N, C-alpha and C. Protein backbone atom coordinates (compact mmCIF):
# COMPACT_ATOMS: atom_id res chain seq x y z
N MET A 1 6.38 24.18 16.25
CA MET A 1 6.48 22.78 16.60
C MET A 1 7.56 22.14 15.75
N LYS A 2 8.33 21.26 16.34
CA LYS A 2 9.41 20.57 15.65
C LYS A 2 8.81 19.56 14.66
N SER A 3 9.27 19.64 13.42
CA SER A 3 8.75 18.70 12.42
C SER A 3 9.37 17.32 12.66
N PRO A 4 8.68 16.28 12.19
CA PRO A 4 9.17 14.92 12.43
C PRO A 4 10.53 14.69 11.76
N GLY A 5 11.35 13.91 12.42
CA GLY A 5 12.65 13.54 11.88
C GLY A 5 12.78 12.04 11.84
N ILE A 6 13.84 11.59 11.22
CA ILE A 6 14.05 10.14 11.06
C ILE A 6 14.24 9.46 12.41
N VAL A 7 14.97 10.11 13.31
CA VAL A 7 15.21 9.51 14.63
C VAL A 7 13.90 9.41 15.41
N ASP A 8 13.08 10.47 15.33
CA ASP A 8 11.77 10.42 15.99
C ASP A 8 10.93 9.27 15.46
N GLY A 9 10.93 9.11 14.14
CA GLY A 9 10.15 8.04 13.52
C GLY A 9 10.63 6.66 13.94
N ILE A 10 11.94 6.50 14.05
CA ILE A 10 12.48 5.21 14.49
C ILE A 10 12.12 4.94 15.94
N LEU A 11 12.19 5.98 16.77
CA LEU A 11 11.82 5.80 18.18
C LEU A 11 10.34 5.45 18.33
N VAL A 12 9.49 6.06 17.53
CA VAL A 12 8.06 5.73 17.57
C VAL A 12 7.86 4.29 17.12
N ALA A 13 8.58 3.87 16.07
CA ALA A 13 8.48 2.48 15.60
C ALA A 13 8.91 1.50 16.69
N VAL A 14 9.98 1.83 17.40
CA VAL A 14 10.44 0.97 18.50
C VAL A 14 9.39 0.90 19.60
N MET A 15 8.85 2.06 19.97
CA MET A 15 7.83 2.09 21.03
C MET A 15 6.60 1.25 20.65
N ILE A 16 6.14 1.42 19.42
CA ILE A 16 4.96 0.68 18.98
C ILE A 16 5.24 -0.82 18.93
N ALA A 17 6.38 -1.21 18.38
CA ALA A 17 6.72 -2.63 18.28
C ALA A 17 6.90 -3.26 19.66
N LEU A 18 7.61 -2.57 20.55
CA LEU A 18 7.80 -3.11 21.90
C LEU A 18 6.48 -3.17 22.67
N GLY A 19 5.66 -2.14 22.51
CA GLY A 19 4.35 -2.14 23.16
C GLY A 19 3.47 -3.27 22.65
N ALA A 20 3.46 -3.48 21.34
CA ALA A 20 2.66 -4.56 20.77
C ALA A 20 3.19 -5.93 21.19
N GLY A 21 4.51 -6.08 21.20
CA GLY A 21 5.10 -7.35 21.63
C GLY A 21 4.80 -7.65 23.08
N THR A 22 4.93 -6.64 23.93
CA THR A 22 4.63 -6.82 25.35
C THR A 22 3.16 -7.14 25.57
N ALA A 23 2.29 -6.41 24.90
CA ALA A 23 0.85 -6.65 25.04
C ALA A 23 0.49 -8.04 24.52
N SER A 24 1.14 -8.48 23.44
CA SER A 24 0.87 -9.83 22.92
C SER A 24 1.26 -10.90 23.94
N LEU A 25 2.41 -10.70 24.59
CA LEU A 25 2.84 -11.68 25.59
C LEU A 25 1.94 -11.70 26.80
N ILE A 26 1.55 -10.52 27.25
CA ILE A 26 0.74 -10.44 28.47
C ILE A 26 -0.70 -10.86 28.21
N LEU A 27 -1.29 -10.36 27.12
CA LEU A 27 -2.71 -10.59 26.86
C LEU A 27 -2.98 -11.80 25.97
N GLY A 28 -1.94 -12.39 25.41
CA GLY A 28 -2.12 -13.49 24.47
C GLY A 28 -2.84 -14.69 25.04
N SER A 29 -2.68 -14.95 26.30
CA SER A 29 -3.35 -16.11 26.90
C SER A 29 -4.76 -15.79 27.37
N PHE A 30 -5.13 -14.51 27.40
CA PHE A 30 -6.45 -14.10 27.88
C PHE A 30 -7.42 -13.74 26.76
N ILE A 31 -6.90 -13.27 25.65
CA ILE A 31 -7.73 -12.76 24.57
C ILE A 31 -7.47 -13.57 23.31
N ILE A 32 -8.51 -13.81 22.55
CA ILE A 32 -8.38 -14.51 21.27
C ILE A 32 -7.46 -13.70 20.36
N TYR A 33 -6.59 -14.39 19.63
CA TYR A 33 -5.60 -13.70 18.81
C TYR A 33 -6.20 -12.71 17.82
N ALA A 34 -7.30 -13.06 17.19
CA ALA A 34 -7.91 -12.14 16.22
C ALA A 34 -8.33 -10.85 16.90
N THR A 35 -8.92 -10.96 18.08
CA THR A 35 -9.33 -9.78 18.83
C THR A 35 -8.12 -8.99 19.29
N LEU A 36 -7.10 -9.70 19.75
CA LEU A 36 -5.87 -9.05 20.19
C LEU A 36 -5.21 -8.29 19.05
N PHE A 37 -5.16 -8.90 17.86
CA PHE A 37 -4.57 -8.22 16.70
C PHE A 37 -5.35 -6.97 16.35
N ASN A 38 -6.69 -7.06 16.41
CA ASN A 38 -7.51 -5.88 16.12
C ASN A 38 -7.22 -4.76 17.12
N LEU A 39 -7.15 -5.10 18.39
CA LEU A 39 -6.87 -4.09 19.42
C LEU A 39 -5.48 -3.47 19.25
N LEU A 40 -4.49 -4.32 19.01
CA LEU A 40 -3.13 -3.81 18.86
C LEU A 40 -2.96 -2.98 17.59
N LEU A 41 -3.64 -3.37 16.53
CA LEU A 41 -3.59 -2.59 15.30
C LEU A 41 -4.20 -1.20 15.52
N SER A 42 -5.34 -1.16 16.17
CA SER A 42 -5.99 0.12 16.45
C SER A 42 -5.14 0.98 17.39
N ALA A 43 -4.58 0.36 18.41
CA ALA A 43 -3.75 1.10 19.35
C ALA A 43 -2.49 1.65 18.67
N ALA A 44 -1.86 0.85 17.82
CA ALA A 44 -0.67 1.31 17.11
C ALA A 44 -1.01 2.47 16.19
N SER A 45 -2.12 2.37 15.51
CA SER A 45 -2.55 3.45 14.63
C SER A 45 -2.83 4.73 15.41
N LEU A 46 -3.49 4.59 16.56
CA LEU A 46 -3.77 5.76 17.40
C LEU A 46 -2.49 6.41 17.90
N VAL A 47 -1.55 5.62 18.36
CA VAL A 47 -0.28 6.16 18.85
C VAL A 47 0.44 6.92 17.74
N TYR A 48 0.46 6.35 16.54
CA TYR A 48 1.14 7.01 15.43
C TYR A 48 0.42 8.29 15.02
N LEU A 49 -0.91 8.27 15.00
CA LEU A 49 -1.66 9.48 14.66
C LEU A 49 -1.43 10.58 15.70
N LEU A 50 -1.38 10.20 16.98
CA LEU A 50 -1.09 11.19 18.02
C LEU A 50 0.31 11.78 17.85
N TYR A 51 1.25 10.94 17.48
CA TYR A 51 2.62 11.42 17.19
C TYR A 51 2.60 12.42 16.05
N LEU A 52 1.89 12.09 14.97
CA LEU A 52 1.81 13.01 13.83
C LEU A 52 1.17 14.33 14.22
N LEU A 53 0.09 14.26 14.98
CA LEU A 53 -0.59 15.49 15.38
C LEU A 53 0.29 16.33 16.30
N LYS A 54 1.05 15.68 17.16
CA LYS A 54 1.95 16.41 18.06
C LYS A 54 3.05 17.13 17.27
N ARG A 55 3.54 16.50 16.22
CA ARG A 55 4.62 17.07 15.42
C ARG A 55 4.14 18.07 14.36
N SER A 56 2.85 18.12 14.13
CA SER A 56 2.32 19.03 13.12
C SER A 56 2.24 20.45 13.65
N SER A 57 2.53 21.41 12.78
CA SER A 57 2.42 22.81 13.19
C SER A 57 0.99 23.31 13.07
N ALA A 58 0.15 22.60 12.34
CA ALA A 58 -1.26 22.99 12.19
C ALA A 58 -2.02 22.65 13.46
N ARG A 59 -2.84 23.57 13.91
CA ARG A 59 -3.62 23.36 15.12
C ARG A 59 -5.08 23.04 14.82
N ILE A 60 -5.41 23.04 13.56
CA ILE A 60 -6.80 22.87 13.19
C ILE A 60 -7.09 21.40 12.85
N GLY A 61 -8.24 20.92 13.22
CA GLY A 61 -8.69 19.60 12.83
C GLY A 61 -8.22 18.44 13.67
N ARG A 62 -7.55 18.69 14.76
CA ARG A 62 -7.02 17.60 15.58
C ARG A 62 -8.14 16.75 16.19
N VAL A 63 -9.16 17.40 16.68
CA VAL A 63 -10.29 16.68 17.26
C VAL A 63 -11.01 15.86 16.19
N VAL A 64 -11.09 16.42 14.99
CA VAL A 64 -11.74 15.72 13.88
C VAL A 64 -10.95 14.47 13.51
N VAL A 65 -9.62 14.57 13.50
CA VAL A 65 -8.79 13.41 13.17
C VAL A 65 -9.00 12.28 14.19
N ILE A 66 -8.94 12.61 15.45
CA ILE A 66 -9.11 11.58 16.49
C ILE A 66 -10.53 11.03 16.48
N SER A 67 -11.51 11.90 16.28
CA SER A 67 -12.90 11.45 16.20
C SER A 67 -13.11 10.52 15.01
N THR A 68 -12.53 10.89 13.88
CA THR A 68 -12.64 10.04 12.69
C THR A 68 -12.00 8.69 12.93
N TRP A 69 -10.82 8.71 13.54
CA TRP A 69 -10.16 7.43 13.86
C TRP A 69 -11.05 6.58 14.76
N ALA A 70 -11.64 7.20 15.79
CA ALA A 70 -12.48 6.45 16.73
C ALA A 70 -13.72 5.89 16.04
N VAL A 71 -14.35 6.68 15.20
CA VAL A 71 -15.56 6.21 14.51
C VAL A 71 -15.22 5.08 13.54
N VAL A 72 -14.13 5.24 12.79
CA VAL A 72 -13.73 4.22 11.83
C VAL A 72 -13.33 2.93 12.56
N SER A 73 -12.57 3.05 13.63
CA SER A 73 -12.16 1.85 14.39
C SER A 73 -13.36 1.16 15.02
N LEU A 74 -14.27 1.93 15.56
CA LEU A 74 -15.47 1.35 16.16
C LEU A 74 -16.35 0.69 15.10
N ALA A 75 -16.47 1.33 13.95
CA ALA A 75 -17.26 0.74 12.86
C ALA A 75 -16.63 -0.57 12.39
N CYS A 76 -15.31 -0.61 12.28
CA CYS A 76 -14.63 -1.86 11.91
C CYS A 76 -14.89 -2.95 12.94
N TRP A 77 -14.89 -2.57 14.20
CA TRP A 77 -15.13 -3.52 15.27
C TRP A 77 -16.56 -4.05 15.23
N ILE A 78 -17.53 -3.15 15.10
CA ILE A 78 -18.94 -3.53 15.10
C ILE A 78 -19.29 -4.34 13.86
N LEU A 79 -18.79 -3.93 12.71
CA LEU A 79 -19.11 -4.61 11.45
C LEU A 79 -18.26 -5.85 11.22
N ASP A 80 -17.36 -6.13 12.14
CA ASP A 80 -16.49 -7.30 12.07
C ASP A 80 -15.73 -7.36 10.73
N VAL A 81 -15.08 -6.25 10.43
CA VAL A 81 -14.29 -6.14 9.21
C VAL A 81 -13.06 -7.05 9.35
N ALA A 82 -12.70 -7.70 8.27
CA ALA A 82 -11.55 -8.60 8.28
C ALA A 82 -10.27 -7.83 8.63
N LEU A 83 -9.32 -8.53 9.22
CA LEU A 83 -8.08 -7.90 9.68
C LEU A 83 -7.33 -7.25 8.52
N PHE A 84 -7.28 -7.89 7.37
CA PHE A 84 -6.58 -7.34 6.22
C PHE A 84 -7.18 -5.99 5.82
N GLU A 85 -8.50 -5.92 5.79
CA GLU A 85 -9.15 -4.66 5.43
C GLU A 85 -8.93 -3.60 6.50
N GLN A 86 -8.89 -4.01 7.76
CA GLN A 86 -8.62 -3.05 8.83
C GLN A 86 -7.20 -2.48 8.70
N VAL A 87 -6.27 -3.31 8.32
CA VAL A 87 -4.89 -2.84 8.11
C VAL A 87 -4.89 -1.79 7.00
N LEU A 88 -5.58 -2.06 5.92
CA LEU A 88 -5.65 -1.10 4.81
C LEU A 88 -6.34 0.20 5.23
N ILE A 89 -7.39 0.10 6.01
CA ILE A 89 -8.12 1.29 6.47
C ILE A 89 -7.23 2.13 7.39
N GLN A 90 -6.57 1.50 8.35
CA GLN A 90 -5.71 2.24 9.27
C GLN A 90 -4.53 2.87 8.53
N ALA A 91 -3.95 2.14 7.59
CA ALA A 91 -2.85 2.70 6.79
C ALA A 91 -3.35 3.87 5.94
N GLY A 92 -4.56 3.75 5.43
CA GLY A 92 -5.15 4.85 4.67
C GLY A 92 -5.37 6.08 5.53
N LEU A 93 -5.79 5.89 6.77
CA LEU A 93 -5.94 7.02 7.68
C LEU A 93 -4.60 7.70 7.96
N ILE A 94 -3.57 6.90 8.16
CA ILE A 94 -2.24 7.46 8.40
C ILE A 94 -1.79 8.25 7.18
N TRP A 95 -1.98 7.70 5.98
CA TRP A 95 -1.59 8.41 4.77
C TRP A 95 -2.38 9.70 4.61
N LEU A 96 -3.67 9.65 4.88
CA LEU A 96 -4.50 10.84 4.73
C LEU A 96 -4.07 11.95 5.68
N VAL A 97 -3.80 11.60 6.93
CA VAL A 97 -3.38 12.61 7.91
C VAL A 97 -2.03 13.20 7.51
N ARG A 98 -1.10 12.37 7.10
CA ARG A 98 0.20 12.91 6.68
C ARG A 98 0.07 13.77 5.43
N SER A 99 -0.77 13.38 4.51
CA SER A 99 -0.96 14.17 3.29
C SER A 99 -1.57 15.53 3.61
N LEU A 100 -2.52 15.56 4.52
CA LEU A 100 -3.18 16.82 4.86
C LEU A 100 -2.33 17.72 5.74
N TYR A 101 -1.57 17.15 6.65
CA TYR A 101 -0.84 17.94 7.62
C TYR A 101 0.61 18.25 7.24
N PHE A 102 1.22 17.43 6.39
CA PHE A 102 2.65 17.58 6.15
C PHE A 102 3.06 17.82 4.70
N HIS A 103 2.17 17.60 3.75
CA HIS A 103 2.55 17.71 2.34
C HIS A 103 1.82 18.87 1.68
N ASN A 104 2.53 19.55 0.78
CA ASN A 104 1.98 20.73 0.12
C ASN A 104 1.53 20.47 -1.30
N SER A 105 1.83 19.32 -1.86
CA SER A 105 1.47 19.07 -3.25
C SER A 105 0.97 17.64 -3.42
N MET A 106 0.32 17.42 -4.55
CA MET A 106 -0.17 16.09 -4.87
C MET A 106 0.99 15.13 -5.11
N PHE A 107 2.09 15.65 -5.65
CA PHE A 107 3.27 14.82 -5.91
C PHE A 107 3.82 14.23 -4.61
N THR A 108 3.96 15.06 -3.58
CA THR A 108 4.49 14.54 -2.31
C THR A 108 3.50 13.60 -1.65
N ALA A 109 2.20 13.87 -1.81
CA ALA A 109 1.19 12.96 -1.26
C ALA A 109 1.25 11.61 -1.96
N LEU A 110 1.49 11.61 -3.26
CA LEU A 110 1.62 10.35 -3.99
C LEU A 110 2.91 9.61 -3.60
N LEU A 111 3.99 10.35 -3.37
CA LEU A 111 5.20 9.72 -2.87
C LEU A 111 4.95 9.08 -1.50
N ASP A 112 4.20 9.78 -0.67
CA ASP A 112 3.86 9.25 0.65
C ASP A 112 2.99 8.00 0.51
N PHE A 113 2.07 8.00 -0.45
CA PHE A 113 1.25 6.82 -0.70
C PHE A 113 2.13 5.63 -1.08
N GLY A 114 3.14 5.88 -1.89
CA GLY A 114 4.09 4.82 -2.23
C GLY A 114 4.83 4.31 -1.01
N LEU A 115 5.19 5.22 -0.11
CA LEU A 115 5.88 4.81 1.12
C LEU A 115 4.97 3.96 2.00
N VAL A 116 3.71 4.36 2.12
CA VAL A 116 2.75 3.57 2.90
C VAL A 116 2.57 2.19 2.26
N SER A 117 2.50 2.16 0.94
CA SER A 117 2.36 0.88 0.24
C SER A 117 3.58 -0.02 0.46
N ALA A 118 4.76 0.57 0.40
CA ALA A 118 5.98 -0.20 0.67
C ALA A 118 6.00 -0.70 2.11
N GLY A 119 5.52 0.14 3.03
CA GLY A 119 5.43 -0.28 4.43
C GLY A 119 4.47 -1.44 4.61
N LEU A 120 3.35 -1.40 3.89
CA LEU A 120 2.39 -2.50 3.96
C LEU A 120 3.00 -3.79 3.41
N ALA A 121 3.76 -3.67 2.33
CA ALA A 121 4.42 -4.85 1.75
C ALA A 121 5.45 -5.42 2.72
N ALA A 122 6.24 -4.56 3.34
CA ALA A 122 7.24 -5.02 4.32
C ALA A 122 6.55 -5.64 5.52
N SER A 123 5.46 -5.06 5.93
CA SER A 123 4.71 -5.58 7.06
C SER A 123 4.12 -6.96 6.74
N ALA A 124 3.58 -7.11 5.55
CA ALA A 124 3.03 -8.42 5.15
C ALA A 124 4.13 -9.47 5.08
N TRP A 125 5.28 -9.07 4.55
CA TRP A 125 6.41 -10.01 4.49
C TRP A 125 6.82 -10.45 5.90
N ALA A 126 6.92 -9.49 6.81
CA ALA A 126 7.32 -9.82 8.19
C ALA A 126 6.28 -10.70 8.86
N MET A 127 5.02 -10.42 8.62
CA MET A 127 3.95 -11.21 9.23
C MET A 127 3.96 -12.64 8.71
N LEU A 128 4.15 -12.79 7.40
CA LEU A 128 4.17 -14.14 6.81
C LEU A 128 5.38 -14.94 7.27
N ASN A 129 6.52 -14.29 7.44
CA ASN A 129 7.73 -15.02 7.81
C ASN A 129 7.90 -15.23 9.30
N THR A 130 7.32 -14.37 10.13
CA THR A 130 7.52 -14.51 11.57
C THR A 130 6.23 -14.84 12.32
N GLY A 131 5.09 -14.45 11.77
CA GLY A 131 3.83 -14.65 12.47
C GLY A 131 3.66 -13.70 13.65
N SER A 132 4.52 -12.71 13.75
CA SER A 132 4.51 -11.79 14.87
C SER A 132 3.94 -10.44 14.45
N LEU A 133 2.92 -10.00 15.16
CA LEU A 133 2.36 -8.68 14.88
C LEU A 133 3.37 -7.60 15.22
N ALA A 134 4.14 -7.81 16.27
CA ALA A 134 5.15 -6.82 16.65
C ALA A 134 6.18 -6.63 15.53
N ALA A 135 6.61 -7.72 14.90
CA ALA A 135 7.57 -7.61 13.79
C ALA A 135 6.92 -6.92 12.59
N ALA A 136 5.64 -7.21 12.35
CA ALA A 136 4.94 -6.56 11.24
C ALA A 136 4.79 -5.07 11.50
N LEU A 137 4.43 -4.70 12.72
CA LEU A 137 4.30 -3.28 13.05
C LEU A 137 5.66 -2.58 12.99
N TRP A 138 6.70 -3.25 13.47
CA TRP A 138 8.04 -2.69 13.41
C TRP A 138 8.43 -2.41 11.96
N SER A 139 8.19 -3.37 11.07
CA SER A 139 8.54 -3.20 9.67
C SER A 139 7.78 -2.05 9.03
N PHE A 140 6.48 -1.97 9.32
CA PHE A 140 5.67 -0.91 8.74
C PHE A 140 6.12 0.47 9.23
N PHE A 141 6.20 0.63 10.55
CA PHE A 141 6.50 1.95 11.10
C PHE A 141 7.96 2.35 10.91
N LEU A 142 8.85 1.38 10.76
CA LEU A 142 10.24 1.73 10.46
C LEU A 142 10.32 2.39 9.08
N LEU A 143 9.61 1.85 8.12
CA LEU A 143 9.58 2.48 6.80
C LEU A 143 8.87 3.83 6.84
N GLN A 144 7.88 3.96 7.71
CA GLN A 144 7.15 5.23 7.78
C GLN A 144 8.02 6.34 8.35
N ALA A 145 9.09 5.99 9.03
CA ALA A 145 10.01 7.01 9.55
C ALA A 145 10.65 7.80 8.42
N LEU A 146 10.67 7.24 7.23
CA LEU A 146 11.29 7.90 6.08
C LEU A 146 10.42 9.02 5.50
N PHE A 147 9.18 9.15 5.94
CA PHE A 147 8.30 10.14 5.34
C PHE A 147 8.79 11.57 5.54
N CYS A 148 9.62 11.80 6.54
CA CYS A 148 10.13 13.15 6.78
C CYS A 148 11.04 13.61 5.65
N TRP A 149 11.55 12.71 4.85
CA TRP A 149 12.43 13.07 3.74
C TRP A 149 11.67 13.36 2.45
N ILE A 150 10.40 13.07 2.40
CA ILE A 150 9.63 13.25 1.15
C ILE A 150 9.61 14.69 0.67
N PRO A 151 9.31 15.69 1.52
CA PRO A 151 9.32 17.06 1.00
C PRO A 151 10.69 17.49 0.47
N GLU A 152 11.75 17.08 1.13
CA GLU A 152 13.10 17.42 0.67
C GLU A 152 13.41 16.74 -0.66
N LEU A 153 13.00 15.50 -0.80
CA LEU A 153 13.20 14.76 -2.05
C LEU A 153 12.43 15.43 -3.18
N ALA A 154 11.21 15.85 -2.92
CA ALA A 154 10.40 16.52 -3.94
C ALA A 154 11.01 17.87 -4.32
N ARG A 155 11.54 18.57 -3.34
CA ARG A 155 12.17 19.86 -3.61
C ARG A 155 13.42 19.68 -4.49
N LYS A 156 14.23 18.67 -4.21
CA LYS A 156 15.42 18.40 -5.02
C LYS A 156 15.03 17.98 -6.44
N GLN A 157 13.97 17.17 -6.53
CA GLN A 157 13.52 16.68 -7.83
C GLN A 157 13.02 17.82 -8.70
N SER A 158 12.33 18.77 -8.11
CA SER A 158 11.78 19.87 -8.89
C SER A 158 12.79 20.99 -9.13
N GLY A 159 13.93 20.93 -8.47
CA GLY A 159 14.96 21.96 -8.64
C GLY A 159 14.64 23.23 -7.88
N GLU A 160 13.67 23.17 -7.00
CA GLU A 160 13.27 24.33 -6.21
C GLU A 160 14.33 24.61 -5.16
N ALA A 161 14.59 25.87 -4.92
CA ALA A 161 15.57 26.26 -3.90
C ALA A 161 14.96 26.04 -2.52
N PRO A 162 15.74 25.52 -1.59
CA PRO A 162 15.20 25.36 -0.24
C PRO A 162 14.88 26.71 0.38
N ASP A 163 13.95 26.69 1.29
CA ASP A 163 13.53 27.92 1.96
C ASP A 163 14.70 28.49 2.76
N ALA A 164 15.00 29.75 2.54
CA ALA A 164 16.16 30.38 3.18
C ALA A 164 15.94 30.56 4.68
N THR A 165 14.70 30.61 5.10
CA THR A 165 14.44 30.83 6.53
C THR A 165 14.69 29.58 7.36
N ILE A 166 14.75 28.42 6.73
CA ILE A 166 14.96 27.18 7.48
C ILE A 166 16.35 27.16 8.10
N ASN A 167 17.36 27.63 7.37
CA ASN A 167 18.73 27.55 7.83
C ASN A 167 19.16 28.75 8.68
N GLN A 168 18.26 29.65 8.98
CA GLN A 168 18.62 30.81 9.78
C GLN A 168 18.64 30.46 11.26
N SER A 169 19.51 31.15 11.96
CA SER A 169 19.56 30.98 13.41
C SER A 169 18.37 31.73 14.02
N PRO A 170 18.04 31.44 15.26
CA PRO A 170 16.94 32.16 15.91
C PRO A 170 17.18 33.67 15.95
N PHE A 171 18.45 34.08 16.11
CA PHE A 171 18.75 35.51 16.12
C PHE A 171 18.46 36.13 14.76
N GLN A 172 18.88 35.45 13.68
CA GLN A 172 18.64 35.97 12.34
C GLN A 172 17.15 36.08 12.05
N SER A 173 16.39 35.09 12.47
CA SER A 173 14.94 35.13 12.27
C SER A 173 14.32 36.30 13.03
N ALA A 174 14.72 36.49 14.28
CA ALA A 174 14.18 37.59 15.08
C ALA A 174 14.60 38.94 14.49
N HIS A 175 15.82 39.02 14.00
CA HIS A 175 16.30 40.25 13.37
C HIS A 175 15.47 40.59 12.13
N ARG A 176 15.18 39.56 11.31
CA ARG A 176 14.38 39.77 10.11
C ARG A 176 12.98 40.23 10.48
N VAL A 177 12.37 39.63 11.49
CA VAL A 177 11.03 40.02 11.93
C VAL A 177 11.04 41.46 12.45
N ALA A 178 12.07 41.83 13.19
CA ALA A 178 12.17 43.20 13.71
C ALA A 178 12.32 44.21 12.57
N LEU A 179 13.13 43.88 11.58
CA LEU A 179 13.27 44.78 10.43
C LEU A 179 11.96 44.94 9.67
N ASP A 180 11.22 43.86 9.51
CA ASP A 180 9.92 43.94 8.85
C ASP A 180 8.96 44.83 9.64
N ALA A 181 8.99 44.69 10.97
CA ALA A 181 8.12 45.52 11.82
C ALA A 181 8.48 46.99 11.71
N VAL A 182 9.78 47.30 11.68
CA VAL A 182 10.21 48.69 11.55
C VAL A 182 9.79 49.25 10.19
N ARG A 183 9.91 48.45 9.13
CA ARG A 183 9.47 48.90 7.80
C ARG A 183 7.98 49.20 7.78
N LYS A 184 7.19 48.36 8.42
CA LYS A 184 5.74 48.58 8.47
C LYS A 184 5.39 49.86 9.24
N LEU A 185 6.12 50.09 10.33
CA LEU A 185 5.88 51.30 11.12
C LEU A 185 6.30 52.56 10.36
N ALA A 186 7.34 52.47 9.53
CA ALA A 186 7.86 53.63 8.80
C ALA A 186 6.97 53.99 7.59
N GLN A 187 6.16 53.06 7.14
CA GLN A 187 5.29 53.35 5.99
C GLN A 187 4.13 54.24 6.44
N PRO A 188 3.79 55.24 5.60
CA PRO A 188 2.70 56.16 5.98
C PRO A 188 1.35 55.53 5.88
């Protein structure tokens, strides 16, 4: 599976922001704003989590992630959790999924936590200055597009050599696999 890239993250941010803006315009006169914000926040979080799961190479736990999101969102709805706390909960879910599916160390998970925190700050700034949920979501998810650079940044910081298999062509990878298979067959 193709790992997330900056362009993918920006496109997801655009989709979420445009979807939230369109839904706000269409549903704004029918639904109370607080309810609309709750629905749009949950929908944006779900879309982003689905994007992460689609881009992840791990096949395990996908149903658990979606089930957890559904239970947490439903519990927030039933318990009438304040919007600010719901934002923190949904951002925490996004951070947890990215930490479990995309990061190999506590250092990169902490860097990702910082990125989520910066996204929340940018989102709060956009919300306070514009009053638009679409602008707040755009600000948050635009910063989240940078998470694909965290493992590379951590690798450069630690002085670790990049994985040699990443830069190989498909032919070189297949050739290496074939040589390994021949070596295994030649061993007694």
